[in-house]
Protein backbone atom coordinates (compact mmCIF):
# COMPACT_ATOMS: atom_id res chain seq x y z
CA MET A 1 -12.96 9.73 5.94
CA GLY A 2 -11.15 11.65 8.62
CA ILE A 3 -7.44 11.73 9.27
CA ILE A 4 -7.67 9.11 12.04
CA GLY A 5 -9.60 6.76 9.75
CA THR A 6 -7.03 7.25 7.01
CA ILE A 7 -4.19 6.44 9.41
CA VAL A 8 -5.94 3.31 10.68
CA VAL A 9 -6.69 2.07 7.15
CA GLY A 10 -3.10 2.86 6.12
CA LEU A 11 -1.75 0.88 9.07
CA ILE A 12 -3.94 -2.14 8.31
CA VAL A 13 -3.22 -2.14 4.57
CA GLY A 14 0.52 -1.55 5.12
CA ALA A 15 0.72 -4.33 7.71
CA ILE A 16 -1.06 -6.78 5.41
CA ALA A 17 1.28 -5.87 2.53
CA ARG A 18 4.36 -6.32 4.74
CA PHE A 19 3.03 -9.69 5.94
CA LEU A 20 2.43 -10.91 2.37
CA MET A 21 5.77 -9.73 0.96
CA PRO A 22 8.52 -12.31 1.45
CA GLY A 23 11.71 -11.21 3.14
CA GLU A 24 12.38 -8.67 5.84
CA GLN A 25 11.20 -5.09 5.47
CA LYS A 26 13.05 -2.73 7.75
CA MET A 27 10.53 0.01 8.38
CA GLY A 28 8.69 1.31 11.40
CA TRP A 29 5.07 2.08 12.10
CA ILE A 30 5.07 5.45 10.36
CA LEU A 31 6.52 4.08 7.13
CA THR A 32 4.06 1.18 7.28
CA ILE A 33 1.18 3.66 7.58
CA LEU A 34 2.54 5.75 4.69
CA LEU A 35 2.97 2.59 2.62
CA GLY A 36 -0.66 1.66 3.19
CA ILE A 37 -1.96 5.15 2.45
CA CYS A 38 0.12 5.50 -0.72
CA GLY A 39 -0.89 2.00 -1.86
CA SER A 40 -4.55 2.88 -1.41
CA VAL A 41 -4.16 6.13 -3.31
CA ALA A 42 -2.21 4.43 -6.12
CA ALA A 43 -4.87 1.73 -6.44
CA GLY A 44 -7.57 4.40 -6.57
CA VAL A 45 -5.78 6.41 -9.27
CA VAL A 46 -5.09 3.35 -11.43
CA GLY A 47 -8.65 2.09 -10.94
CA GLN A 48 -10.09 5.44 -12.00
CA ALA A 49 -7.77 5.65 -15.01
CA LEU A 50 -8.88 2.20 -16.17
CA GLY A 51 -12.53 2.95 -15.50
CA TRP A 52 -12.92 0.46 -12.64
CA TYR A 53 -13.90 3.15 -10.11
CA GLN A 54 -15.54 6.53 -10.20
CA ALA A 55 -14.28 9.59 -8.32
CA GLY A 56 -15.23 9.37 -4.66
CA GLN A 57 -15.41 5.58 -4.53
CA GLY A 58 -12.90 3.63 -2.53
CA ALA A 59 -10.45 1.37 -4.32
CA GLY A 60 -11.38 -1.51 -2.05
CA TRP A 61 -9.26 -3.48 0.37
CA ILE A 62 -7.83 -5.89 -2.20
CA GLY A 63 -6.84 -3.11 -4.57
CA SER A 64 -5.28 -1.16 -1.71
CA VAL A 65 -3.21 -4.14 -0.58
CA VAL A 66 -2.09 -4.84 -4.16
CA GLY A 67 -1.09 -1.18 -4.55
CA ALA A 68 0.88 -1.34 -1.30
CA LEU A 69 2.57 -4.58 -2.39
CA VAL A 70 3.67 -2.97 -5.65
CA LEU A 71 5.05 0.06 -3.80
CA LEU A 72 6.82 -2.17 -1.28
CA PHE A 73 8.40 -4.15 -4.13
CA VAL A 74 9.59 -0.93 -5.80
CA VAL A 75 11.04 0.37 -2.51
CA GLN A 76 12.91 -2.90 -1.94
CA LYS A 77 14.39 -2.78 -5.43
CA LEU A 78 15.42 0.87 -5.03
CA ARG A 79 17.10 0.11 -1.70
CA GLY A 80 18.99 -2.73 -3.36
CA SER A 81 17.68 -5.40 -1.00
CA SER A 82 16.45 -8.66 -2.43
CA ALA A 83 13.39 -10.51 -1.16
CA ALA A 84 15.17 -13.81 -1.94
CA LYS A 85 17.78 -13.27 0.79
């Protein structure tokens, strides 16, 4: 996948994760794209470590969104903001 494809997938996955996470996430488009890309990579690494995927296979959309949700949760906790506000 090229760089443009990676950015588009990152934007879609990041936007879905931000939509599903309760509360307000104060981040722009670039951070949303990075969130989606990192979530996809994290889901791929975990999936390969657990034997769910082989090298070169995509983690899948659901795994990517779950990875992005986990990263978004961690970022919110590190920033000190609560989703219950």
